[in-house]
Amino acid sequence: MSKMLNVRELFPEGQLRFIAGPCAVESEEQIDAAASFLSSRGVKILRGGAYKPRTSPESFQGLAEKGLKILRKAADQYNMLVVTEVMDEENLELVGEYTDIFQIGSRNCQNFSLLRAVGKLDRPVLIKRGFGNTVEEFYQASRYISKEGNDQIIMVERGIRTFEDSTRFTLDISAVPVLKEKVKYPVLVDPSHPAGKREYVPSLTYAAVGAGADGIMIEVHPEPERAMSDARQQVDFKTFEKIYGQAMKIREAMS
């Protein structure tokens, strides 16, 4: 890139933008189908995991560089940007060859050496709240990035672990207005991870829009039932289309 992307141009105040795509990159056909559909609906940022940190080491761990290449090819073809997770400093340079936006996942929210490393690079950073972090701890994590000179940060609330077990995580809706009061960065919500089940994703999305989120980061798969990771929480194209339309109506009614 000739210059760093401006995250406020990607997520303008008072408007709603989506980041969407499958949990994990599984094949070229899967990503091409997702990118083709999403771009036709106005989505400009394609998500997908090439490296998949999983609770069990026996679970699908991603396609690594092959997955990065698949993401980049599809994004270029459909005029989209790529956001994908960087797991550690060792693969920072490699991921940087393919992504437009570095993602720091929930597990790495307080990996301070990694935060400092991405803070030194000319690339926007999307950071997800750690599932055991307070809003203040999440905010302080972002400061590790900005103190190194990179203030192109996107903050994502994605649910926290509480005593409640009826959903995968508890979506902290109150984090949206609190963060928007504390930071100048876009504040997004990921409804997929706290939902854990696709039937809850629409309601959590609408609640996030109502709380004032600048954007939604959602998992969308051509065939969710066949997904190799997080199959239960990913939505299909038809469901995404409904969510997208309703969310835009809510945001319009709020303006």
C-alpha atoms as a PDB file:
ATOM      1  CA  MET A   1       0.000   0.000   0.000  1.00  0.00           C
ATOM      2  CA  SER A   2       1.248   3.473  -0.830  1.00  0.00           C
ATOM      3  CA  LYS A   3      -0.216   4.969   2.362  1.00  0.00           C
ATOM      4  CA  MET A   4      -1.847   3.708   5.523  1.00  0.00           C
ATOM      5  CA  LEU A   5      -5.590   3.192   5.353  1.00  0.00           C
ATOM      6  CA  ASN A   6      -7.606   5.628   7.444  1.00  0.00           C
ATOM      7  CA  VAL A   7      -9.987   3.651   9.640  1.00  0.00           C
ATOM      8  CA  ARG A   8     -12.363   6.593   9.981  1.00  0.00           C
ATOM      9  CA  GLU A   9     -12.804   6.607   6.229  1.00  0.00           C
ATOM     10  CA  LEU A  10     -13.617   2.902   6.406  1.00  0.00           C
ATOM     11  CA  PHE A  11     -16.047   3.430   9.305  1.00  0.00           C
ATOM     12  CA  PRO A  12     -17.441   6.976   9.128  1.00  0.00           C
ATOM     13  CA  GLU A  13     -19.161   8.434  12.195  1.00  0.00           C
ATOM     14  CA  GLY A  14     -22.901   7.924  12.094  1.00  0.00           C
ATOM     15  CA  GLN A  15     -22.803   5.239   9.429  1.00  0.00           C
ATOM     16  CA  LEU A  16     -22.770   1.462   9.587  1.00  0.00           C
ATOM     17  CA  ARG A  17     -20.250  -0.784   7.849  1.00  0.00           C
ATOM     18  CA  PHE A  18     -19.857  -4.559   7.804  1.00  0.00           C
ATOM     19  CA  ILE A  19     -16.830  -6.841   7.907  1.00  0.00           C
ATOM     20  CA  ALA A  20     -17.902 -10.311   6.815  1.00  0.00           C
ATOM     21  CA  GLY A  21     -16.666 -13.686   5.686  1.00  0.00           C
ATOM     22  CA  PRO A  22     -16.173 -17.203   7.006  1.00  0.00           C
ATOM     23  CA  CYS A  23     -14.511 -18.083  10.280  1.00  0.00           C
ATOM     24  CA  ALA A  24     -11.745 -19.966   8.499  1.00  0.00           C
ATOM     25  CA  VAL A  25     -10.376 -20.158   4.980  1.00  0.00           C
ATOM     26  CA  GLU A  26     -11.131 -23.682   3.806  1.00  0.00           C
ATOM     27  CA  SER A  27     -10.819 -23.566   0.026  1.00  0.00           C
ATOM     28  CA  GLU A  28     -10.528 -21.208  -2.916  1.00  0.00           C
ATOM     29  CA  GLU A  29     -14.105 -22.020  -3.974  1.00  0.00           C
ATOM     30  CA  GLN A  30     -15.490 -21.177  -0.532  1.00  0.00           C
ATOM     31  CA  ILE A  31     -13.741 -17.803  -0.301  1.00  0.00           C
ATOM     32  CA  ASP A  32     -14.527 -16.873  -3.887  1.00  0.00           C
ATOM     33  CA  ALA A  33     -18.227 -17.569  -3.298  1.00  0.00           C
ATOM     34  CA  ALA A  34     -18.238 -15.514  -0.093  1.00  0.00           C
ATOM     35  CA  ALA A  35     -16.328 -12.589  -1.611  1.00  0.00           C
ATOM     36  CA  SER A  36     -18.497 -12.540  -4.726  1.00  0.00           C
ATOM     37  CA  PHE A  37     -21.713 -12.454  -2.689  1.00  0.00           C
ATOM     38  CA  LEU A  38     -20.545 -10.004  -0.020  1.00  0.00           C
ATOM     39  CA  SER A  39     -19.036  -7.518  -2.450  1.00  0.00           C
ATOM     40  CA  SER A  40     -22.268  -7.509  -4.454  1.00  0.00           C
ATOM     41  CA  ARG A  41     -24.067  -6.438  -1.254  1.00  0.00           C
ATOM     42  CA  GLY A  42     -21.695  -3.567  -0.583  1.00  0.00           C
ATOM     43  CA  VAL A  43     -19.349  -5.191   1.946  1.00  0.00           C
ATOM     44  CA  LYS A  44     -15.837  -3.808   1.476  1.00  0.00           C
ATOM     45  CA  ILE A  45     -13.824  -5.820   4.009  1.00  0.00           C
ATOM     46  CA  LEU A  46     -13.418  -9.607   3.766  1.00  0.00           C
ATOM     47  CA  ARG A  47     -12.607 -11.582   6.901  1.00  0.00           C
ATOM     48  CA  GLY A  48     -11.263 -15.109   7.168  1.00  0.00           C
ATOM     49  CA  GLY A  49      -8.816 -16.988   9.346  1.00  0.00           C
ATOM     50  CA  ALA A  50      -5.710 -18.496   7.774  1.00  0.00           C
ATOM     51  CA  TYR A  51      -4.322 -19.325  11.218  1.00  0.00           C
ATOM     52  CA  LYS A  52      -6.963 -20.680  13.580  1.00  0.00           C
ATOM     53  CA  PRO A  53      -6.138 -20.799  17.295  1.00  0.00           C
ATOM     54  CA  ARG A  54      -8.481 -23.457  18.648  1.00  0.00           C
ATOM     55  CA  THR A  55      -9.184 -24.714  22.135  1.00  0.00           C
ATOM     56  CA  SER A  56      -8.338 -28.262  21.048  1.00  0.00           C
ATOM     57  CA  PRO A  57      -5.078 -28.935  19.177  1.00  0.00           C
ATOM     58  CA  GLU A  58      -6.928 -31.663  17.303  1.00  0.00           C
ATOM     59  CA  SER A  59      -9.285 -29.133  15.671  1.00  0.00           C
ATOM     60  CA  PHE A  60      -8.751 -27.583  12.236  1.00  0.00           C
ATOM     61  CA  GLN A  61      -5.888 -25.090  12.552  1.00  0.00           C
ATOM     62  CA  GLY A  62      -6.191 -23.282   9.229  1.00  0.00           C
ATOM     63  CA  LEU A  63      -4.364 -23.337   5.885  1.00  0.00           C
ATOM     64  CA  ALA A  64      -1.599 -20.875   6.894  1.00  0.00           C
ATOM     65  CA  GLU A  65       0.080 -19.170   3.916  1.00  0.00           C
ATOM     66  CA  LYS A  66      -2.100 -21.016   1.423  1.00  0.00           C
ATOM     67  CA  GLY A  67      -5.120 -19.505   3.136  1.00  0.00           C
ATOM     68  CA  LEU A  68      -3.570 -16.032   3.033  1.00  0.00           C
ATOM     69  CA  LYS A  69      -3.034 -16.355  -0.710  1.00  0.00           C
ATOM     70  CA  ILE A  70      -6.632 -17.438  -1.234  1.00  0.00           C
ATOM     71  CA  LEU A  71      -7.909 -14.437   0.740  1.00  0.00           C
ATOM     72  CA  ARG A  72      -5.717 -11.983  -1.140  1.00  0.00           C
ATOM     73  CA  LYS A  73      -6.702 -13.347  -4.537  1.00  0.00           C
ATOM     74  CA  ALA A  74     -10.428 -13.114  -3.806  1.00  0.00           C
ATOM     75  CA  ALA A  75     -10.167  -9.645  -2.281  1.00  0.00           C
ATOM     76  CA  ASP A  76      -8.246  -8.323  -5.266  1.00  0.00           C
ATOM     77  CA  GLN A  77     -10.734  -9.846  -7.687  1.00  0.00           C
ATOM     78  CA  TYR A  78     -13.744  -8.267  -5.960  1.00  0.00           C
ATOM     79  CA  ASN A  79     -12.112  -4.983  -4.918  1.00  0.00           C
ATOM     80  CA  MET A  80     -12.211  -5.735  -1.189  1.00  0.00           C
ATOM     81  CA  LEU A  81      -9.820  -5.314   1.719  1.00  0.00           C
ATOM     82  CA  VAL A  82      -8.560  -8.245   3.804  1.00  0.00           C
ATOM     83  CA  VAL A  83      -8.553  -8.539   7.577  1.00  0.00           C
ATOM     84  CA  THR A  84      -7.033 -11.675   9.066  1.00  0.00           C
ATOM     85  CA  GLU A  85      -5.536 -12.698  12.373  1.00  0.00           C
ATOM     86  CA  VAL A  86      -1.845 -12.541  13.148  1.00  0.00           C
ATOM     87  CA  MET A  87      -0.984 -14.986  15.907  1.00  0.00           C
ATOM     88  CA  ASP A  88       2.515 -13.986  16.932  1.00  0.00           C
ATOM     89  CA  GLU A  89       5.524 -11.898  15.997  1.00  0.00           C
ATOM     90  CA  GLU A  90       7.061 -14.791  14.069  1.00  0.00           C
ATOM     91  CA  ASN A  91       4.434 -14.675  11.306  1.00  0.00           C
ATOM     92  CA  LEU A  92       3.906 -10.907  11.365  1.00  0.00           C
ATOM     93  CA  GLU A  93       5.939 -10.292   8.225  1.00  0.00           C
ATOM     94  CA  LEU A  94       4.284 -13.146   6.332  1.00  0.00           C
ATOM     95  CA  VAL A  95       0.732 -12.093   7.231  1.00  0.00           C
ATOM     96  CA  GLY A  96       1.663  -8.523   6.363  1.00  0.00           C
ATOM     97  CA  GLU A  97       2.384  -9.555   2.785  1.00  0.00           C
ATOM     98  CA  TYR A  98      -1.280 -10.443   2.254  1.00  0.00           C
ATOM     99  CA  THR A  99      -3.505  -8.492   4.654  1.00  0.00           C
ATOM    100  CA  ASP A 100      -4.667  -4.883   4.638  1.00  0.00           C
ATOM    101  CA  ILE A 101      -5.656  -4.923   8.314  1.00  0.00           C
ATOM    102  CA  PHE A 102      -4.006  -6.953  11.072  1.00  0.00           C
ATOM    103  CA  GLN A 103      -6.415  -8.665  13.457  1.00  0.00           C
ATOM    104  CA  ILE A 104      -5.428  -9.229  17.075  1.00  0.00           C
ATOM    105  CA  GLY A 105      -7.701 -11.938  18.393  1.00  0.00           C
ATOM    106  CA  SER A 106      -9.259 -12.206  21.825  1.00  0.00           C
ATOM    107  CA  ARG A 107      -6.570 -14.575  23.081  1.00  0.00           C
ATOM    108  CA  ASN A 108      -3.869 -12.038  22.206  1.00  0.00           C
ATOM    109  CA  CYS A 109      -5.586  -8.917  23.510  1.00  0.00           C
ATOM    110  CA  GLN A 110      -2.948  -8.616  26.252  1.00  0.00           C
ATOM    111  CA  ASN A 111      -0.007 -10.014  24.303  1.00  0.00           C
ATOM    112  CA  PHE A 112       1.866  -6.773  24.835  1.00  0.00           C
ATOM    113  CA  SER A 113       4.921  -7.614  22.741  1.00  0.00           C
ATOM    114  CA  LEU A 114       2.686  -8.401  19.750  1.00  0.00           C
ATOM    115  CA  LEU A 115       0.690  -5.206  20.322  1.00  0.00           C
ATOM    116  CA  ARG A 116       3.891  -3.166  20.334  1.00  0.00           C
ATOM    117  CA  ALA A 117       5.060  -4.901  17.162  1.00  0.00           C
ATOM    118  CA  VAL A 118       1.916  -4.116  15.158  1.00  0.00           C
ATOM    119  CA  GLY A 119       2.016  -0.607  16.582  1.00  0.00           C
ATOM    120  CA  LYS A 120       5.282  -0.027  14.742  1.00  0.00           C
ATOM    121  CA  LEU A 121       3.862  -1.017  11.350  1.00  0.00           C
ATOM    122  CA  ASP A 122       2.062   1.031   8.707  1.00  0.00           C
ATOM    123  CA  ARG A 123      -1.074  -1.092   8.775  1.00  0.00           C
ATOM    124  CA  PRO A 124      -4.409  -0.650  10.588  1.00  0.00           C
ATOM    125  CA  VAL A 125      -4.982  -2.968  13.523  1.00  0.00           C
ATOM    126  CA  LEU A 126      -8.308  -4.523  14.505  1.00  0.00           C
ATOM    127  CA  ILE A 127      -8.192  -5.657  18.121  1.00  0.00           C
ATOM    128  CA  LYS A 128     -10.822  -7.842  19.757  1.00  0.00           C
ATOM    129  CA  ARG A 129     -11.601  -7.577  23.447  1.00  0.00           C
ATOM    130  CA  GLY A 130     -10.181 -10.408  25.499  1.00  0.00           C
ATOM    131  CA  PHE A 131     -12.951 -12.609  26.844  1.00  0.00           C
ATOM    132  CA  GLY A 132     -11.663 -12.020  30.391  1.00  0.00           C
ATOM    133  CA  ASN A 133     -10.869  -8.323  30.046  1.00  0.00           C
ATOM    134  CA  THR A 134     -12.660  -5.337  31.496  1.00  0.00           C
ATOM    135  CA  VAL A 135     -13.387  -2.400  29.211  1.00  0.00           C
ATOM    136  CA  GLU A 136     -10.528  -0.497  30.866  1.00  0.00           C
ATOM    137  CA  GLU A 137      -8.086  -3.357  30.227  1.00  0.00           C
ATOM    138  CA  PHE A 138      -9.260  -3.461  26.609  1.00  0.00           C
ATOM    139  CA  TYR A 139      -8.685   0.271  26.298  1.00  0.00           C
ATOM    140  CA  GLN A 140      -5.200  -0.003  27.806  1.00  0.00           C
ATOM    141  CA  ALA A 141      -4.376  -2.782  25.322  1.00  0.00           C
ATOM    142  CA  SER A 142      -5.141  -0.364  22.489  1.00  0.00           C
ATOM    143  CA  ARG A 143      -2.725   2.121  24.011  1.00  0.00           C
ATOM    144  CA  TYR A 144       0.135  -0.356  23.589  1.00  0.00           C
ATOM    145  CA  ILE A 145      -0.499  -0.037  19.845  1.00  0.00           C
ATOM    146  CA  SER A 146      -0.986   3.725  19.715  1.00  0.00           C
ATOM    147  CA  LYS A 147       2.042   4.481  21.884  1.00  0.00           C
ATOM    148  CA  GLU A 148       4.230   2.954  19.150  1.00  0.00           C
ATOM    149  CA  GLY A 149       2.841   5.471  16.649  1.00  0.00           C
ATOM    150  CA  ASN A 150      -0.019   3.579  15.031  1.00  0.00           C
ATOM    151  CA  ASP A 151      -3.376   5.161  15.827  1.00  0.00           C
ATOM    152  CA  GLN A 152      -5.279   3.428  13.016  1.00  0.00           C
ATOM    153  CA  ILE A 153      -7.097   1.099  15.394  1.00  0.00           C
ATOM    154  CA  ILE A 154     -10.459  -0.670  15.219  1.00  0.00           C
ATOM    155  CA  MET A 155     -11.860  -1.990  18.512  1.00  0.00           C
ATOM    156  CA  VAL A 156     -14.246  -4.947  18.563  1.00  0.00           C
ATOM    157  CA  GLU A 157     -16.484  -6.075  21.395  1.00  0.00           C
ATOM    158  CA  ARG A 158     -16.983  -9.837  20.979  1.00  0.00           C
ATOM    159  CA  GLY A 159     -18.425 -11.009  24.248  1.00  0.00           C
ATOM    160  CA  ILE A 160     -16.913 -11.884  27.610  1.00  0.00           C
ATOM    161  CA  ARG A 161     -16.951 -14.997  29.757  1.00  0.00           C
ATOM    162  CA  THR A 162     -19.423 -14.816  32.634  1.00  0.00           C
ATOM    163  CA  PHE A 163     -21.417 -17.282  34.764  1.00  0.00           C
ATOM    164  CA  GLU A 164     -24.111 -17.312  32.044  1.00  0.00           C
ATOM    165  CA  ASP A 165     -23.960 -20.398  29.816  1.00  0.00           C
ATOM    166  CA  SER A 166     -27.073 -20.035  27.645  1.00  0.00           C
ATOM    167  CA  THR A 167     -24.869 -18.373  25.005  1.00  0.00           C
ATOM    168  CA  ARG A 168     -21.244 -18.976  24.084  1.00  0.00           C
ATOM    169  CA  PHE A 169     -20.184 -15.646  25.626  1.00  0.00           C
ATOM    170  CA  THR A 170     -22.055 -12.704  27.125  1.00  0.00           C
ATOM    171  CA  LEU A 171     -22.231  -9.778  24.712  1.00  0.00           C
ATOM    172  CA  ASP A 172     -21.408  -6.616  26.671  1.00  0.00           C
ATOM    173  CA  ILE A 173     -23.569  -4.102  24.821  1.00  0.00           C
ATOM    174  CA  SER A 174     -22.667  -1.404  27.362  1.00  0.00           C
ATOM    175  CA  ALA A 175     -19.062  -1.591  26.161  1.00  0.00           C
ATOM    176  CA  VAL A 176     -20.071   0.194  22.947  1.00  0.00           C
ATOM    177  CA  PRO A 177     -21.069   3.572  24.411  1.00  0.00           C
ATOM    178  CA  VAL A 178     -18.356   3.361  27.074  1.00  0.00           C
ATOM    179  CA  LEU A 179     -15.621   2.779  24.487  1.00  0.00           C
ATOM    180  CA  LYS A 180     -17.001   5.438  22.163  1.00  0.00           C
ATOM    181  CA  GLU A 181     -16.681   7.905  25.021  1.00  0.00           C
ATOM    182  CA  LYS A 182     -13.072   6.852  25.702  1.00  0.00           C
ATOM    183  CA  VAL A 183     -11.561   6.503  22.207  1.00  0.00           C
ATOM    184  CA  LYS A 184     -11.651   8.187  18.828  1.00  0.00           C
ATOM    185  CA  TYR A 185     -11.427   4.847  17.016  1.00  0.00           C
ATOM    186  CA  PRO A 186     -14.275   2.947  15.362  1.00  0.00           C
ATOM    187  CA  VAL A 187     -16.029   0.597  17.780  1.00  0.00           C
ATOM    188  CA  LEU A 188     -17.453  -2.559  16.211  1.00  0.00           C
ATOM    189  CA  VAL A 189     -19.368  -5.550  17.535  1.00  0.00           C
ATOM    190  CA  ASP A 190     -18.878  -9.204  16.618  1.00  0.00           C
ATOM    191  CA  PRO A 191     -22.260 -10.883  17.280  1.00  0.00           C
ATOM    192  CA  SER A 192     -21.185 -14.323  16.053  1.00  0.00           C
ATOM    193  CA  HIS A 193     -18.927 -15.341  18.928  1.00  0.00           C
ATOM    194  CA  PRO A 194     -21.173 -14.347  21.837  1.00  0.00           C
ATOM    195  CA  ALA A 195     -24.171 -15.905  20.091  1.00  0.00           C
ATOM    196  CA  GLY A 196     -22.597 -19.295  19.532  1.00  0.00           C
ATOM    197  CA  LYS A 197     -25.766 -20.214  17.634  1.00  0.00           C
ATOM    198  CA  ARG A 198     -26.741 -18.616  14.330  1.00  0.00           C
ATOM    199  CA  GLU A 199     -30.352 -18.043  15.380  1.00  0.00           C
ATOM    200  CA  TYR A 200     -29.169 -15.486  17.964  1.00  0.00           C
ATOM    201  CA  VAL A 201     -26.915 -13.549  15.576  1.00  0.00           C
ATOM    202  CA  PRO A 202     -29.638 -11.287  14.080  1.00  0.00           C
ATOM    203  CA  SER A 203     -30.910 -10.052  17.469  1.00  0.00           C
ATOM    204  CA  LEU A 204     -27.404  -9.379  18.785  1.00  0.00           C
ATOM    205  CA  THR A 205     -26.580  -7.506  15.582  1.00  0.00           C
ATOM    206  CA  TYR A 206     -29.623  -5.268  15.912  1.00  0.00           C
ATOM    207  CA  ALA A 207     -28.837  -4.605  19.583  1.00  0.00           C
ATOM    208  CA  ALA A 208     -25.287  -3.595  18.618  1.00  0.00           C
ATOM    209  CA  VAL A 209     -26.568  -1.180  15.990  1.00  0.00           C
ATOM    210  CA  GLY A 210     -28.977   0.296  18.514  1.00  0.00           C
ATOM    211  CA  ALA A 211     -26.114   0.796  20.972  1.00  0.00           C
ATOM    212  CA  GLY A 212     -24.279   2.890  18.394  1.00  0.00           C
ATOM    213  CA  ALA A 213     -21.680   0.501  16.972  1.00  0.00           C
ATOM    214  CA  ASP A 214     -19.790   1.830  13.955  1.00  0.00           C
ATOM    215  CA  GLY A 215     -19.739  -1.585  12.340  1.00  0.00           C
ATOM    216  CA  ILE A 216     -20.516  -5.276  12.589  1.00  0.00           C
ATOM    217  CA  MET A 217     -18.007  -8.097  12.156  1.00  0.00           C
ATOM    218  CA  ILE A 218     -19.959 -11.221  11.280  1.00  0.00           C
ATOM    219  CA  GLU A 219     -19.181 -14.782  10.205  1.00  0.00           C
ATOM    220  CA  VAL A 220     -20.786 -15.713   6.876  1.00  0.00           C
ATOM    221  CA  HIS A 221     -20.271 -19.041   5.096  1.00  0.00           C
ATOM    222  CA  PRO A 222     -21.662 -20.410   1.795  1.00  0.00           C
ATOM    223  CA  GLU A 223     -22.621 -23.655   3.581  1.00  0.00           C
ATOM    224  CA  PRO A 224     -22.428 -23.114   7.354  1.00  0.00           C
ATOM    225  CA  GLU A 225     -23.362 -26.698   8.225  1.00  0.00           C
ATOM    226  CA  ARG A 226     -20.226 -27.906   6.451  1.00  0.00           C
ATOM    227  CA  ALA A 227     -17.853 -25.341   7.973  1.00  0.00           C
ATOM    228  CA  MET A 228     -14.633 -26.720   9.442  1.00  0.00           C
ATOM    229  CA  SER A 229     -14.720 -24.353  12.420  1.00  0.00           C
ATOM    230  CA  ASP A 230     -17.505 -22.597  14.346  1.00  0.00           C
ATOM    231  CA  ALA A 231     -20.134 -24.125  12.073  1.00  0.00           C
ATOM    232  CA  ARG A 232     -22.946 -23.529  14.547  1.00  0.00           C
ATOM    233  CA  GLN A 233     -22.574 -19.743  14.685  1.00  0.00           C
ATOM    234  CA  GLN A 234     -21.998 -18.896  11.021  1.00  0.00           C
ATOM    235  CA  VAL A 235     -24.899 -17.621   8.913  1.00  0.00           C
ATOM    236  CA  ASP A 236     -25.660 -18.366   5.284  1.00  0.00           C
ATOM    237  CA  PHE A 237     -26.021 -15.810   2.509  1.00  0.00           C
ATOM    238  CA  LYS A 238     -29.808 -15.513   2.771  1.00  0.00           C
ATOM    239  CA  THR A 239     -29.667 -14.863   6.507  1.00  0.00           C
ATOM    240  CA  PHE A 240     -26.880 -12.326   6.105  1.00  0.00           C
ATOM    241  CA  GLU A 241     -28.895 -10.461   3.500  1.00  0.00           C
ATOM    242  CA  LYS A 242     -31.800 -10.143   5.941  1.00  0.00           C
ATOM    243  CA  ILE A 243     -29.519  -9.079   8.804  1.00  0.00           C
ATOM    244  CA  TYR A 244     -27.791  -6.507   6.620  1.00  0.00           C
ATOM    245  CA  GLY A 245     -31.057  -4.976   5.420  1.00  0.00           C
ATOM    246  CA  GLN A 246     -32.624  -4.776   8.871  1.00  0.00           C
ATOM    247  CA  ALA A 247     -29.458  -3.380  10.451  1.00  0.00           C
ATOM    248  CA  MET A 248     -29.285  -0.607   7.869  1.00  0.00           C
ATOM    249  CA  LYS A 249     -32.928   0.281   8.518  1.00  0.00           C
ATOM    250  CA  ILE A 250     -32.227   0.554  12.249  1.00  0.00           C
ATOM    251  CA  ARG A 251     -29.229   2.799  11.673  1.00  0.00           C
ATOM    252  CA  GLU A 252     -31.238   4.979   9.282  1.00  0.00           C
ATOM    253  CA  ALA A 253     -34.024   5.314  11.856  1.00  0.00           C
ATOM    254  CA  MET A 254     -31.453   6.453  14.421  1.00  0.00           C
ATOM    255  CA  SER A 255     -30.087   9.266  12.272  1.00  0.00           C
END
